[in-house]
Amino acid sequence: MSVFTHHVFICGNVREPGAKRGCCDPEGRQALKDAFKVALKKAGLGPLARANHAGCLDQCEHGPVVAIYPMGVWYGPVTAADVPRIVERTILGGEILTDLQIADECLNNPRCPHRAGEPSGS
């Protein structure tokens, strides 16, 4: 069996409605992960690329969040409608979709200006 060329981690964290930081999968159905599985298979990447449900990726304000490795690309907010474009242009084409990309200065930054009710760090 070949090594995976890409891992797509889809945040499936569920919080109570109205949570201050938001929630990536409010219905808890993993529908976004399922959309990636279908799109990867349709693109012929089934055995080479893997879509995995992930717990909280701590980028809640940008959710639903998707992280693609080994590229190290973080996208949000991602919808099921974005999935075919992500598979075609990012996973197959290597293109970073700037309209979905979470800014580097926001990743793992508790002072991200998008964090509700927290200092912006500016």
PDB file of N, CA and C in Angstrom:
ATOM      1  N   MET A   1       0.836  -1.182   0.000  1.00  0.00           N
ATOM      2  CA  MET A   1       0.000   0.000   0.000  1.00  0.00           C
ATOM      3  C   MET A   1       0.883   1.248   0.000  1.00  0.00           C
ATOM      4  N   SER A   2       0.516   2.212  -0.792  1.00  0.00           N
ATOM      5  CA  SER A   2       1.257   3.469  -0.895  1.00  0.00           C
ATOM      6  C   SER A   2       1.004   4.352   0.320  1.00  0.00           C
ATOM      7  N   VAL A   3       1.957   5.231   0.579  1.00  0.00           N
ATOM      8  CA  VAL A   3       1.806   6.240   1.616  1.00  0.00           C
ATOM      9  C   VAL A   3       0.782   7.262   1.130  1.00  0.00           C
ATOM     10  N   PHE A   4      -0.003   7.813   2.049  1.00  0.00           N
ATOM     11  CA  PHE A   4      -0.954   8.853   1.667  1.00  0.00           C
ATOM     12  C   PHE A   4      -0.206  10.079   1.175  1.00  0.00           C
ATOM     13  N   THR A   5      -0.697  10.672   0.107  1.00  0.00           N
ATOM     14  CA  THR A   5      -0.101  11.902  -0.407  1.00  0.00           C
ATOM     15  C   THR A   5      -0.633  13.121   0.340  1.00  0.00           C
ATOM     16  N   HIS A   6      -1.843  13.024   0.847  1.00  0.00           N
ATOM     17  CA  HIS A   6      -2.470  14.131   1.580  1.00  0.00           C
ATOM     18  C   HIS A   6      -3.342  13.587   2.700  1.00  0.00           C
ATOM     19  N   HIS A   7      -3.334  14.299   3.798  1.00  0.00           N
ATOM     20  CA  HIS A   7      -4.288  14.075   4.874  1.00  0.00           C
ATOM     21  C   HIS A   7      -5.104  15.353   5.008  1.00  0.00           C
ATOM     22  N   VAL A   8      -6.415  15.202   5.013  1.00  0.00           N
ATOM     23  CA  VAL A   8      -7.314  16.330   5.202  1.00  0.00           C
ATOM     24  C   VAL A   8      -7.985  16.127   6.557  1.00  0.00           C
ATOM     25  N   PHE A   9      -7.701  17.037   7.477  1.00  0.00           N
ATOM     26  CA  PHE A   9      -8.296  16.962   8.811  1.00  0.00           C
ATOM     27  C   PHE A   9      -9.457  17.947   8.873  1.00  0.00           C
ATOM     28  N   ILE A  10     -10.645  17.430   9.161  1.00  0.00           N
ATOM     29  CA  ILE A  10     -11.848  18.243   9.202  1.00  0.00           C
ATOM     30  C   ILE A  10     -12.311  18.340  10.647  1.00  0.00           C
ATOM     31  N   CYS A  11     -12.329  19.548  11.179  1.00  0.00           N
ATOM     32  CA  CYS A  11     -12.747  19.730  12.564  1.00  0.00           C
ATOM     33  C   CYS A  11     -14.211  19.330  12.700  1.00  0.00           C
ATOM     34  N   GLY A  12     -14.471  18.472  13.650  1.00  0.00           N
ATOM     35  CA  GLY A  12     -15.832  18.031  13.926  1.00  0.00           C
ATOM     36  C   GLY A  12     -16.255  18.375  15.336  1.00  0.00           C
ATOM     37  N   ASN A  13     -15.605  19.384  15.913  1.00  0.00           N
ATOM     38  CA  ASN A  13     -15.919  19.754  17.284  1.00  0.00           C
ATOM     39  C   ASN A  13     -17.346  20.288  17.381  1.00  0.00           C
ATOM     40  N   VAL A  14     -18.038  19.856  18.412  1.00  0.00           N
ATOM     41  CA  VAL A  14     -19.415  20.277  18.649  1.00  0.00           C
ATOM     42  C   VAL A  14     -19.470  21.020  19.977  1.00  0.00           C
ATOM     43  N   ARG A  15     -20.047  22.193  19.921  1.00  0.00           N
ATOM     44  CA  ARG A  15     -20.283  22.977  21.141  1.00  0.00           C
ATOM     45  C   ARG A  15     -21.766  23.290  21.221  1.00  0.00           C
ATOM     46  N   GLU A  16     -22.167  23.746  22.386  1.00  0.00           N
ATOM     47  CA  GLU A  16     -23.562  24.134  22.569  1.00  0.00           C
ATOM     48  C   GLU A  16     -23.885  25.341  21.701  1.00  0.00           C
ATOM     49  N   PRO A  17     -25.132  25.441  21.219  1.00  0.00           N
ATOM     50  CA  PRO A  17     -25.532  26.601  20.419  1.00  0.00           C
ATOM     51  C   PRO A  17     -25.220  27.898  21.158  1.00  0.00           C
ATOM     52  N   GLY A  18     -24.724  28.872  20.420  1.00  0.00           N
ATOM     53  CA  GLY A  18     -24.403  30.173  20.989  1.00  0.00           C
ATOM     54  C   GLY A  18     -23.062  30.249  21.685  1.00  0.00           C
ATOM     55  N   ALA A  19     -22.237  29.202  21.563  1.00  0.00           N
ATOM     56  CA  ALA A  19     -20.913  29.221  22.193  1.00  0.00           C
ATOM     57  C   ALA A  19     -20.121  30.422  21.694  1.00  0.00           C
ATOM     58  N   LYS A  20     -19.396  31.063  22.588  1.00  0.00           N
ATOM     59  CA  LYS A  20     -18.674  32.299  22.281  1.00  0.00           C
ATOM     60  C   LYS A  20     -17.710  32.152  21.111  1.00  0.00           C
ATOM     61  N   ARG A  21     -17.000  31.039  21.026  1.00  0.00           N
ATOM     62  CA  ARG A  21     -15.992  30.865  19.967  1.00  0.00           C
ATOM     63  C   ARG A  21     -16.551  30.204  18.722  1.00  0.00           C
ATOM     64  N   GLY A  22     -17.794  29.809  18.735  1.00  0.00           N
ATOM     65  CA  GLY A  22     -18.370  29.152  17.574  1.00  0.00           C
ATOM     66  C   GLY A  22     -18.214  27.650  17.637  1.00  0.00           C
ATOM     67  N   CYS A  23     -18.547  27.004  16.534  1.00  0.00           N
ATOM     68  CA  CYS A  23     -18.558  25.545  16.490  1.00  0.00           C
ATOM     69  C   CYS A  23     -18.381  25.103  15.039  1.00  0.00           C
ATOM     70  N   CYS A  24     -17.526  24.119  14.818  1.00  0.00           N
ATOM     71  CA  CYS A  24     -17.251  23.667  13.448  1.00  0.00           C
ATOM     72  C   CYS A  24     -18.288  22.676  12.910  1.00  0.00           C
ATOM     73  N   ASP A  25     -18.955  21.951  13.782  1.00  0.00           N
ATOM     74  CA  ASP A  25     -19.940  20.956  13.328  1.00  0.00           C
ATOM     75  C   ASP A  25     -21.162  20.988  14.246  1.00  0.00           C
ATOM     76  N   PRO A  26     -21.950  22.069  14.165  1.00  0.00           N
ATOM     77  CA  PRO A  26     -23.042  22.248  15.119  1.00  0.00           C
ATOM     78  C   PRO A  26     -24.069  21.110  15.130  1.00  0.00           C
ATOM     79  N   GLU A  27     -24.236  20.423  14.022  1.00  0.00           N
ATOM     80  CA  GLU A  27     -25.197  19.317  13.973  1.00  0.00           C
ATOM     81  C   GLU A  27     -24.565  17.982  14.362  1.00  0.00           C
ATOM     82  N   GLY A  28     -23.231  17.941  14.460  1.00  0.00           N
ATOM     83  CA  GLY A  28     -22.546  16.719  14.864  1.00  0.00           C
ATOM     84  C   GLY A  28     -22.701  15.567  13.882  1.00  0.00           C
ATOM     85  N   ARG A  29     -22.881  15.881  12.610  1.00  0.00           N
ATOM     86  CA  ARG A  29     -23.119  14.841  11.600  1.00  0.00           C
ATOM     87  C   ARG A  29     -21.893  14.502  10.749  1.00  0.00           C
ATOM     88  N   GLN A  30     -20.814  15.253  10.873  1.00  0.00           N
ATOM     89  CA  GLN A  30     -19.604  15.050  10.084  1.00  0.00           C
ATOM     90  C   GLN A  30     -19.877  15.115   8.572  1.00  0.00           C
ATOM     91  N   ALA A  31     -20.818  15.961   8.195  1.00  0.00           N
ATOM     92  CA  ALA A  31     -21.205  16.090   6.787  1.00  0.00           C
ATOM     93  C   ALA A  31     -20.057  16.617   5.932  1.00  0.00           C
ATOM     94  N   LEU A  32     -19.259  17.523   6.472  1.00  0.00           N
ATOM     95  CA  LEU A  32     -18.134  18.069   5.708  1.00  0.00           C
ATOM     96  C   LEU A  32     -17.093  16.982   5.445  1.00  0.00           C
ATOM     97  N   LYS A  33     -16.803  16.164   6.443  1.00  0.00           N
ATOM     98  CA  LYS A  33     -15.872  15.041   6.252  1.00  0.00           C
ATOM     99  C   LYS A  33     -16.402  14.098   5.176  1.00  0.00           C
ATOM    100  N   ASP A  34     -17.679  13.799   5.226  1.00  0.00           N
ATOM    101  CA  ASP A  34     -18.277  12.909   4.230  1.00  0.00           C
ATOM    102  C   ASP A  34     -18.187  13.504   2.832  1.00  0.00           C
ATOM    103  N   ALA A  35     -18.364  14.823   2.709  1.00  0.00           N
ATOM    104  CA  ALA A  35     -18.244  15.482   1.404  1.00  0.00           C
ATOM    105  C   ALA A  35     -16.821  15.353   0.866  1.00  0.00           C
ATOM    106  N   PHE A  36     -15.827  15.471   1.735  1.00  0.00           N
ATOM    107  CA  PHE A  36     -14.442  15.282   1.305  1.00  0.00           C
ATOM    108  C   PHE A  36     -14.199  13.850   0.867  1.00  0.00           C
ATOM    109  N   LYS A  37     -14.711  12.882   1.583  1.00  0.00           N
ATOM    110  CA  LYS A  37     -14.518  11.478   1.207  1.00  0.00           C
ATOM    111  C   LYS A  37     -15.076  11.211  -0.187  1.00  0.00           C
ATOM    112  N   VAL A  38     -16.266  11.722  -0.459  1.00  0.00           N
ATOM    113  CA  VAL A  38     -16.886  11.542  -1.769  1.00  0.00           C
ATOM    114  C   VAL A  38     -16.061  12.227  -2.862  1.00  0.00           C
ATOM    115  N   ALA A  39     -15.646  13.469  -2.611  1.00  0.00           N
ATOM    116  CA  ALA A  39     -14.890  14.229  -3.620  1.00  0.00           C
ATOM    117  C   ALA A  39     -13.519  13.608  -3.890  1.00  0.00           C
ATOM    118  N   LEU A  40     -12.859  13.119  -2.854  1.00  0.00           N
ATOM    119  CA  LEU A  40     -11.552  12.478  -3.046  1.00  0.00           C
ATOM    120  C   LEU A  40     -11.691  11.201  -3.858  1.00  0.00           C
ATOM    121  N   LYS A  41     -12.716  10.431  -3.567  1.00  0.00           N
ATOM    122  CA  LYS A  41     -12.953   9.191  -4.312  1.00  0.00           C
ATOM    123  C   LYS A  41     -13.287   9.512  -5.771  1.00  0.00           C
ATOM    124  N   LYS A  42     -14.147  10.501  -5.976  1.00  0.00           N
ATOM    125  CA  LYS A  42     -14.542  10.903  -7.330  1.00  0.00           C
ATOM    126  C   LYS A  42     -13.336  11.361  -8.151  1.00  0.00           C
ATOM    127  N   ALA A  43     -12.363  12.001  -7.483  1.00  0.00           N
ATOM    128  CA  ALA A  43     -11.155  12.490  -8.156  1.00  0.00           C
ATOM    129  C   ALA A  43     -10.119  11.384  -8.348  1.00  0.00           C
ATOM    130  N   GLY A  44     -10.451  10.161  -7.907  1.00  0.00           N
ATOM    131  CA  GLY A  44      -9.521   9.046  -8.050  1.00  0.00           C
ATOM    132  C   GLY A  44      -8.424   9.028  -6.997  1.00  0.00           C
ATOM    133  N   LEU A  45      -8.624   9.756  -5.912  1.00  0.00           N
ATOM    134  CA  LEU A  45      -7.611   9.864  -4.873  1.00  0.00           C
ATOM    135  C   LEU A  45      -7.914   8.995  -3.659  1.00  0.00           C
ATOM    136  N   GLY A  46      -8.964   8.203  -3.742  1.00  0.00           N
ATOM    137  CA  GLY A  46      -9.379   7.381  -2.611  1.00  0.00           C
ATOM    138  C   GLY A  46      -8.258   6.669  -1.880  1.00  0.00           C
ATOM    139  N   PRO A  47      -7.390   5.942  -2.574  1.00  0.00           N
ATOM    140  CA  PRO A  47      -6.327   5.236  -1.858  1.00  0.00           C
ATOM    141  C   PRO A  47      -5.114   6.109  -1.515  1.00  0.00           C
ATOM    142  N   LEU A  48      -5.062   7.339  -2.033  1.00  0.00           N
ATOM    143  CA  LEU A  48      -3.881   8.184  -1.833  1.00  0.00           C
ATOM    144  C   LEU A  48      -4.083   9.355  -0.886  1.00  0.00           C
ATOM    145  N   ALA A  49      -5.315   9.797  -0.736  1.00  0.00           N
ATOM    146  CA  ALA A  49      -5.609  10.935   0.128  1.00  0.00           C
ATOM    147  C   ALA A  49      -6.656  10.507   1.148  1.00  0.00           C
ATOM    148  N   ARG A  50      -6.520  11.014   2.337  1.00  0.00           N
ATOM    149  CA  ARG A  50      -7.383  10.580   3.429  1.00  0.00           C
ATOM    150  C   ARG A  50      -8.079  11.774   4.061  1.00  0.00           C
ATOM    151  N   ALA A  51      -9.389  11.684   4.244  1.00  0.00           N
ATOM    152  CA  ALA A  51     -10.161  12.694   4.962  1.00  0.00           C
ATOM    153  C   ALA A  51     -10.475  12.131   6.338  1.00  0.00           C
ATOM    154  N   ASN A  52     -10.030  12.841   7.366  1.00  0.00           N
ATOM    155  CA  ASN A  52     -10.211  12.381   8.738  1.00  0.00           C
ATOM    156  C   ASN A  52     -10.989  13.379   9.574  1.00  0.00           C
ATOM    157  N   HIS A  53     -11.901  12.861  10.376  1.00  0.00           N
ATOM    158  CA  HIS A  53     -12.574  13.661  11.391  1.00  0.00           C
ATOM    159  C   HIS A  53     -11.534  14.024  12.445  1.00  0.00           C
ATOM    160  N   ALA A  54     -11.528  15.258  12.859  1.00  0.00           N
ATOM    161  CA  ALA A  54     -10.606  15.699  13.902  1.00  0.00           C
ATOM    162  C   ALA A  54     -11.400  16.321  15.038  1.00  0.00           C
ATOM    163  N   GLY A  55     -10.847  16.234  16.213  1.00  0.00           N
ATOM    164  CA  GLY A  55     -11.407  16.984  17.330  1.00  0.00           C
ATOM    165  C   GLY A  55     -11.084  18.452  17.119  1.00  0.00           C
ATOM    166  N   CYS A  56     -11.234  19.234  18.139  1.00  0.00           N
ATOM    167  CA  CYS A  56     -11.025  20.676  18.034  1.00  0.00           C
ATOM    168  C   CYS A  56      -9.621  20.992  17.522  1.00  0.00           C
ATOM    169  N   LEU A  57      -9.560  21.812  16.483  1.00  0.00           N
ATOM    170  CA  LEU A  57      -8.288  22.272  15.921  1.00  0.00           C
ATOM    171  C   LEU A  57      -7.934  23.666  16.451  1.00  0.00           C
ATOM    172  N   ASP A  58      -8.730  24.173  17.386  1.00  0.00           N
ATOM    173  CA  ASP A  58      -8.499  25.439  18.086  1.00  0.00           C
ATOM    174  C   ASP A  58      -8.443  26.647  17.162  1.00  0.00           C
ATOM    175  N   GLN A  59      -9.225  26.604  16.117  1.00  0.00           N
ATOM    176  CA  GLN A  59      -9.360  27.754  15.212  1.00  0.00           C
ATOM    177  C   GLN A  59     -10.854  28.050  15.047  1.00  0.00           C
ATOM    178  N   CYS A  60     -11.572  27.938  16.129  1.00  0.00           N
ATOM    179  CA  CYS A  60     -13.030  27.953  16.146  1.00  0.00           C
ATOM    180  C   CYS A  60     -13.649  29.158  15.444  1.00  0.00           C
ATOM    181  N   GLU A  61     -13.029  30.317  15.583  1.00  0.00           N
ATOM    182  CA  GLU A  61     -13.577  31.536  14.988  1.00  0.00           C
ATOM    183  C   GLU A  61     -13.580  31.487  13.467  1.00  0.00           C
ATOM    184  N   HIS A  62     -12.839  30.579  12.912  1.00  0.00           N
ATOM    185  CA  HIS A  62     -12.718  30.465  11.456  1.00  0.00           C
ATOM    186  C   HIS A  62     -13.487  29.262  10.923  1.00  0.00           C
ATOM    187  N   GLY A  63     -14.262  28.620  11.771  1.00  0.00           N
ATOM    188  CA  GLY A  63     -14.882  27.346  11.432  1.00  0.00           C
ATOM    189  C   GLY A  63     -16.056  27.427  10.493  1.00  0.00           C
ATOM    190  N   PRO A  64     -16.335  26.306   9.922  1.00  0.00           N
ATOM    191  CA  PRO A  64     -15.672  25.012   9.973  1.00  0.00           C
ATOM    192  C   PRO A  64     -14.260  25.062   9.379  1.00  0.00           C
ATOM    193  N   VAL A  65     -13.340  24.395  10.060  1.00  0.00           N
ATOM    194  CA  VAL A  65     -11.924  24.446   9.716  1.00  0.00           C
ATOM    195  C   VAL A  65     -11.451  23.126   9.119  1.00  0.00           C
ATOM    196  N   VAL A  66     -10.571  23.255   8.111  1.00  0.00           N
ATOM    197  CA  VAL A  66      -9.953  22.113   7.449  1.00  0.00           C
ATOM    198  C   VAL A  66      -8.445  22.374   7.388  1.00  0.00           C
ATOM    199  N   ALA A  67      -7.657  21.380   7.752  1.00  0.00           N
ATOM    200  CA  ALA A  67      -6.195  21.472   7.641  1.00  0.00           C
ATOM    201  C   ALA A  67      -5.728  20.380   6.685  1.00  0.00           C
ATOM    202  N   ILE A  68      -4.895  20.753   5.721  1.00  0.00           N
ATOM    203  CA  ILE A  68      -4.429  19.818   4.702  1.00  0.00           C
ATOM    204  C   ILE A  68      -2.918  19.649   4.834  1.00  0.00           C
ATOM    205  N   TYR A  69      -2.511  18.407   5.032  1.00  0.00           N
ATOM    206  CA  TYR A  69      -1.093  18.082   5.158  1.00  0.00           C
ATOM    207  C   TYR A  69      -0.700  17.075   4.097  1.00  0.00           C
ATOM    208  N   PRO A  70       0.535  17.143   3.586  1.00  0.00           N
ATOM    209  CA  PRO A  70       1.706  17.809   4.131  1.00  0.00           C
ATOM    210  C   PRO A  70       1.833  19.277   3.748  1.00  0.00           C
ATOM    211  N   MET A  71       0.876  19.837   3.042  1.00  0.00           N
ATOM    212  CA  MET A  71       0.979  21.229   2.601  1.00  0.00           C
ATOM    213  C   MET A  71       0.965  22.215   3.764  1.00  0.00           C
ATOM    214  N   GLY A  72       0.326  21.855   4.860  1.00  0.00           N
ATOM    215  CA  GLY A  72       0.212  22.765   5.988  1.00  0.00           C
ATOM    216  C   GLY A  72      -0.721  23.927   5.718  1.00  0.00           C
ATOM    217  N   VAL A  73      -1.754  23.678   4.924  1.00  0.00           N
ATOM    218  CA  VAL A  73      -2.728  24.711   4.570  1.00  0.00           C
ATOM    219  C   VAL A  73      -3.925  24.592   5.507  1.00  0.00           C
ATOM    220  N   TRP A  74      -4.367  25.723   6.038  1.00  0.00           N
ATOM    221  CA  TRP A  74      -5.536  25.772   6.913  1.00  0.00           C
ATOM    222  C   TRP A  74      -6.598  26.633   6.246  1.00  0.00           C
ATOM    223  N   TYR A  75      -7.796  26.074   6.109  1.00  0.00           N
ATOM    224  CA  TYR A  75      -8.913  26.778   5.479  1.00  0.00           C
ATOM    225  C   TYR A  75     -10.074  26.938   6.450  1.00  0.00           C
ATOM    226  N   GLY A  76     -10.804  28.025   6.285  1.00  0.00           N
ATOM    227  CA  GLY A  76     -12.026  28.243   7.032  1.00  0.00           C
ATOM    228  C   GLY A  76     -12.659  29.562   6.597  1.00  0.00           C
ATOM    229  N   PRO A  77     -13.908  29.780   6.741  1.00  0.00           N
ATOM    230  CA  PRO A  77     -14.898  28.758   6.994  1.00  0.00           C
ATOM    231  C   PRO A  77     -15.169  27.969   5.717  1.00  0.00           C
ATOM    232  N   VAL A  78     -15.149  26.666   5.834  1.00  0.00           N
ATOM    233  CA  VAL A  78     -15.333  25.773   4.690  1.00  0.00           C
ATOM    234  C   VAL A  78     -16.762  25.240   4.686  1.00  0.00           C
ATOM    235  N   THR A  79     -17.366  25.228   3.506  1.00  0.00           N
ATOM    236  CA  THR A  79     -18.698  24.649   3.332  1.00  0.00           C
ATOM    237  C   THR A  79     -18.589  23.449   2.387  1.00  0.00           C
ATOM    238  N   ALA A  80     -19.628  22.660   2.338  1.00  0.00           N
ATOM    239  CA  ALA A  80     -19.655  21.516   1.427  1.00  0.00           C
ATOM    240  C   ALA A  80     -19.497  21.979  -0.023  1.00  0.00           C
ATOM    241  N   ALA A  81     -19.985  23.159  -0.343  1.00  0.00           N
ATOM    242  CA  ALA A  81     -19.848  23.695  -1.700  1.00  0.00           C
ATOM    243  C   ALA A  81     -18.395  23.988  -2.059  1.00  0.00           C
ATOM    244  N   ASP A  82     -17.534  24.224  -1.063  1.00  0.00           N
ATOM    245  CA  ASP A  82     -16.114  24.498  -1.304  1.00  0.00           C
ATOM    246  C   ASP A  82     -15.304  23.235  -1.580  1.00  0.00           C
ATOM    247  N   VAL A  83     -15.810  22.093  -1.171  1.00  0.00           N
ATOM    248  CA  VAL A  83     -15.031  20.854  -1.193  1.00  0.00           C
ATOM    249  C   VAL A  83     -14.523  20.475  -2.586  1.00  0.00           C
ATOM    250  N   PRO A  84     -15.354  20.448  -3.634  1.00  0.00           N
ATOM    251  CA  PRO A  84     -14.817  20.080  -4.952  1.00  0.00           C
ATOM    252  C   PRO A  84     -13.687  20.999  -5.420  1.00  0.00           C
ATOM    253  N   ARG A  85     -13.809  22.275  -5.138  1.00  0.00           N
ATOM    254  CA  ARG A  85     -12.774  23.244  -5.518  1.00  0.00           C
ATOM    255  C   ARG A  85     -11.487  23.003  -4.729  1.00  0.00           C
ATOM    256  N   ILE A  86     -11.606  22.682  -3.453  1.00  0.00           N
ATOM    257  CA  ILE A  86     -10.421  22.388  -2.640  1.00  0.00           C
ATOM    258  C   ILE A  86      -9.722  21.143  -3.159  1.00  0.00           C
ATOM    259  N   VAL A  87     -10.485  20.113  -3.481  1.00  0.00           N
ATOM    260  CA  VAL A  87      -9.885  18.876  -3.997  1.00  0.00           C
ATOM    261  C   VAL A  87      -9.207  19.137  -5.332  1.00  0.00           C
ATOM    262  N   GLU A  88      -9.921  19.813  -6.235  1.00  0.00           N
ATOM    263  CA  GLU A  88      -9.371  20.043  -7.574  1.00  0.00           C
ATOM    264  C   GLU A  88      -8.188  20.997  -7.567  1.00  0.00           C
ATOM    265  N   ARG A  89      -8.353  22.128  -6.911  1.00  0.00           N
ATOM    266  CA  ARG A  89      -7.333  23.169  -7.027  1.00  0.00           C
ATOM    267  C   ARG A  89      -6.214  23.066  -5.997  1.00  0.00           C
ATOM    268  N   THR A  90      -6.526  22.616  -4.790  1.00  0.00           N
ATOM    269  CA  THR A  90      -5.473  22.542  -3.776  1.00  0.00           C
ATOM    270  C   THR A  90      -4.822  21.166  -3.756  1.00  0.00           C
ATOM    271  N   ILE A  91      -5.615  20.127  -3.607  1.00  0.00           N
ATOM    272  CA  ILE A  91      -5.027  18.792  -3.476  1.00  0.00           C
ATOM    273  C   ILE A  91      -4.460  18.300  -4.803  1.00  0.00           C
ATOM    274  N   LEU A  92      -5.188  18.468  -5.878  1.00  0.00           N
ATOM    275  CA  LEU A  92      -4.677  18.035  -7.186  1.00  0.00           C
ATOM    276  C   LEU A  92      -3.736  19.065  -7.809  1.00  0.00           C
ATOM    277  N   GLY A  93      -4.073  20.359  -7.652  1.00  0.00           N
ATOM    278  CA  GLY A  93      -3.317  21.404  -8.349  1.00  0.00           C
ATOM    279  C   GLY A  93      -2.253  22.111  -7.533  1.00  0.00           C
ATOM    280  N   GLY A  94      -2.262  21.926  -6.205  1.00  0.00           N
ATOM    281  CA  GLY A  94      -1.259  22.569  -5.367  1.00  0.00           C
ATOM    282  C   GLY A  94      -1.480  24.052  -5.122  1.00  0.00           C
ATOM    283  N   GLU A  95      -2.637  24.558  -5.519  1.00  0.00           N
ATOM    284  CA  GLU A  95      -2.935  25.988  -5.378  1.00  0.00           C
ATOM    285  C   GLU A  95      -3.547  26.272  -4.005  1.00  0.00           C
ATOM    286  N   ILE A  96      -3.085  27.327  -3.352  1.00  0.00           N
ATOM    287  CA  ILE A  96      -3.679  27.762  -2.098  1.00  0.00           C
ATOM    288  C   ILE A  96      -4.803  28.737  -2.416  1.00  0.00           C
ATOM    289  N   LEU A  97      -5.971  28.460  -1.897  1.00  0.00           N
ATOM    290  CA  LEU A  97      -7.145  29.293  -2.138  1.00  0.00           C
ATOM    291  C   LEU A  97      -7.168  30.407  -1.098  1.00  0.00           C
ATOM    292  N   THR A  98      -6.740  31.577  -1.507  1.00  0.00           N
ATOM    293  CA  THR A  98      -6.568  32.671  -0.560  1.00  0.00           C
ATOM    294  C   THR A  98      -7.886  33.122   0.069  1.00  0.00           C
ATOM    295  N   ASP A  99      -9.004  32.905  -0.623  1.00  0.00           N
ATOM    296  CA  ASP A  99     -10.283  33.317  -0.049  1.00  0.00           C
ATOM    297  C   ASP A  99     -10.702  32.425   1.118  1.00  0.00           C
ATOM    298  N   LEU A 100     -10.123  31.245   1.231  1.00  0.00           N
ATOM    299  CA  LEU A 100     -10.436  30.335   2.331  1.00  0.00           C
ATOM    300  C   LEU A 100      -9.306  30.217   3.348  1.00  0.00           C
ATOM    301  N   GLN A 101      -8.105  30.624   2.973  1.00  0.00           N
ATOM    302  CA  GLN A 101      -6.937  30.422   3.820  1.00  0.00           C
ATOM    303  C   GLN A 101      -7.032  31.235   5.117  1.00  0.00           C
ATOM    304  N   ILE A 102      -6.762  30.564   6.224  1.00  0.00           N
ATOM    305  CA  ILE A 102      -6.679  31.253   7.507  1.00  0.00           C
ATOM    306  C   ILE A 102      -5.297  31.891   7.575  1.00  0.00           C
ATOM    307  N   ALA A 103      -5.258  33.164   7.892  1.00  0.00           N
ATOM    308  CA  ALA A 103      -3.990  33.901   7.935  1.00  0.00           C
ATOM    309  C   ALA A 103      -3.040  33.282   8.944  1.00  0.00           C
ATOM    310  N   ASP A 104      -1.767  33.219   8.578  1.00  0.00           N
ATOM    311  CA  ASP A 104      -0.746  32.665   9.465  1.00  0.00           C
ATOM    312  C   ASP A 104      -0.748  33.336  10.831  1.00  0.00           C
ATOM    313  N   GLU A 105      -0.999  34.648  10.859  1.00  0.00           N
ATOM    314  CA  GLU A 105      -0.967  35.349  12.137  1.00  0.00           C
ATOM    315  C   GLU A 105      -2.146  34.992  13.048  1.00  0.00           C
ATOM    316  N   CYS A 106      -3.122  34.283  12.530  1.00  0.00           N
ATOM    317  CA  CYS A 106      -4.251  33.845  13.354  1.00  0.00           C
ATOM    318  C   CYS A 106      -4.070  32.424  13.887  1.00  0.00           C
ATOM    319  N   LEU A 107      -3.275  31.619  13.215  1.00  0.00           N
ATOM    320  CA  LEU A 107      -3.110  30.230  13.644  1.00  0.00           C
ATOM    321  C   LEU A 107      -2.419  30.158  14.998  1.00  0.00           C
ATOM    322  N   ASN A 108      -3.026  29.411  15.896  1.00  0.00           N
ATOM    323  CA  ASN A 108      -2.473  29.201  17.239  1.00  0.00           C
ATOM    324  C   ASN A 108      -2.154  30.505  17.963  1.00  0.00           C
ATOM    325  N   ASN A 109      -2.948  31.517  17.711  1.00  0.00           N
ATOM    326  CA  ASN A 109      -2.719  32.819  18.318  1.00  0.00           C
ATOM    327  C   ASN A 109      -3.943  33.212  19.144  1.00  0.00           C
ATOM    328  N   PRO A 110      -3.830  33.153  20.467  1.00  0.00           N
ATOM    329  CA  PRO A 110      -4.972  33.534  21.299  1.00  0.00           C
ATOM    330  C   PRO A 110      -5.339  35.010  21.162  1.00  0.00           C
ATOM    331  N   ARG A 111      -4.453  35.799  20.536  1.00  0.00           N
ATOM    332  CA  ARG A 111      -4.746  37.214  20.332  1.00  0.00           C
ATOM    333  C   ARG A 111      -5.228  37.506  18.906  1.00  0.00           C
ATOM    334  N   CYS A 112      -5.617  36.467  18.187  1.00  0.00           N
ATOM    335  CA  CYS A 112      -6.175  36.641  16.845  1.00  0.00           C
ATOM    336  C   CYS A 112      -7.330  37.626  16.914  1.00  0.00           C
ATOM    337  N   PRO A 113      -7.384  38.594  16.005  1.00  0.00           N
ATOM    338  CA  PRO A 113      -8.453  39.589  16.051  1.00  0.00           C
ATOM    339  C   PRO A 113      -9.850  39.002  15.827  1.00  0.00           C
ATOM    340  N   HIS A 114      -9.929  37.759  15.387  1.00  0.00           N
ATOM    341  CA  HIS A 114     -11.226  37.138  15.149  1.00  0.00           C
ATOM    342  C   HIS A 114     -11.814  36.483  16.391  1.00  0.00           C
ATOM    343  N   ARG A 115     -11.035  36.364  17.446  1.00  0.00           N
ATOM    344  CA  ARG A 115     -11.528  35.733  18.670  1.00  0.00           C
ATOM    345  C   ARG A 115     -12.521  36.649  19.371  1.00  0.00           C
ATOM    346  N   ALA A 116     -13.703  36.176  19.520  1.00  0.00           N
ATOM    347  CA  ALA A 116     -14.784  36.941  20.136  1.00  0.00           C
ATOM    348  C   ALA A 116     -14.464  37.283  21.580  1.00  0.00           C
ATOM    349  N   GLY A 117     -14.554  38.554  21.905  1.00  0.00           N
ATOM    350  CA  GLY A 117     -14.419  38.993  23.271  1.00  0.00           C
ATOM    351  C   GLY A 117     -13.002  38.945  23.824  1.00  0.00           C
ATOM    352  N   GLU A 118     -12.005  38.728  22.970  1.00  0.00           N
ATOM    353  CA  GLU A 118     -10.627  38.673  23.442  1.00  0.00           C
ATOM    354  C   GLU A 118      -9.844  39.827  22.820  1.00  0.00           C
ATOM    355  N   PRO A 119      -8.768  40.250  23.426  1.00  0.00           N
ATOM    356  CA  PRO A 119      -7.965  41.353  22.865  1.00  0.00           C
ATOM    357  C   PRO A 119      -7.444  41.002  21.480  1.00  0.00           C
ATOM    358  N   SER A 120      -7.326  41.980  20.624  1.00  0.00           N
ATOM    359  CA  SER A 120      -6.951  41.746  19.230  1.00  0.00           C
ATOM    360  C   SER A 120      -5.459  41.629  19.012  1.00  0.00           C
ATOM    361  N   GLY A 121      -4.661  42.058  19.896  1.00  0.00           N
ATOM    362  CA  GLY A 121      -3.214  41.966  19.705  1.00  0.00           C
ATOM    363  C   GLY A 121      -2.660  43.014  18.787  1.00  0.00           C
ATOM    364  N   SER A 122      -3.514  43.937  18.308  1.00  0.00           N
ATOM    365  CA  SER A 122      -2.999  44.979  17.419  1.00  0.00           C
ATOM    366  C   SER A 122      -2.597  46.209  18.161  1.00  0.00           C
TER     367      SER A 122
END
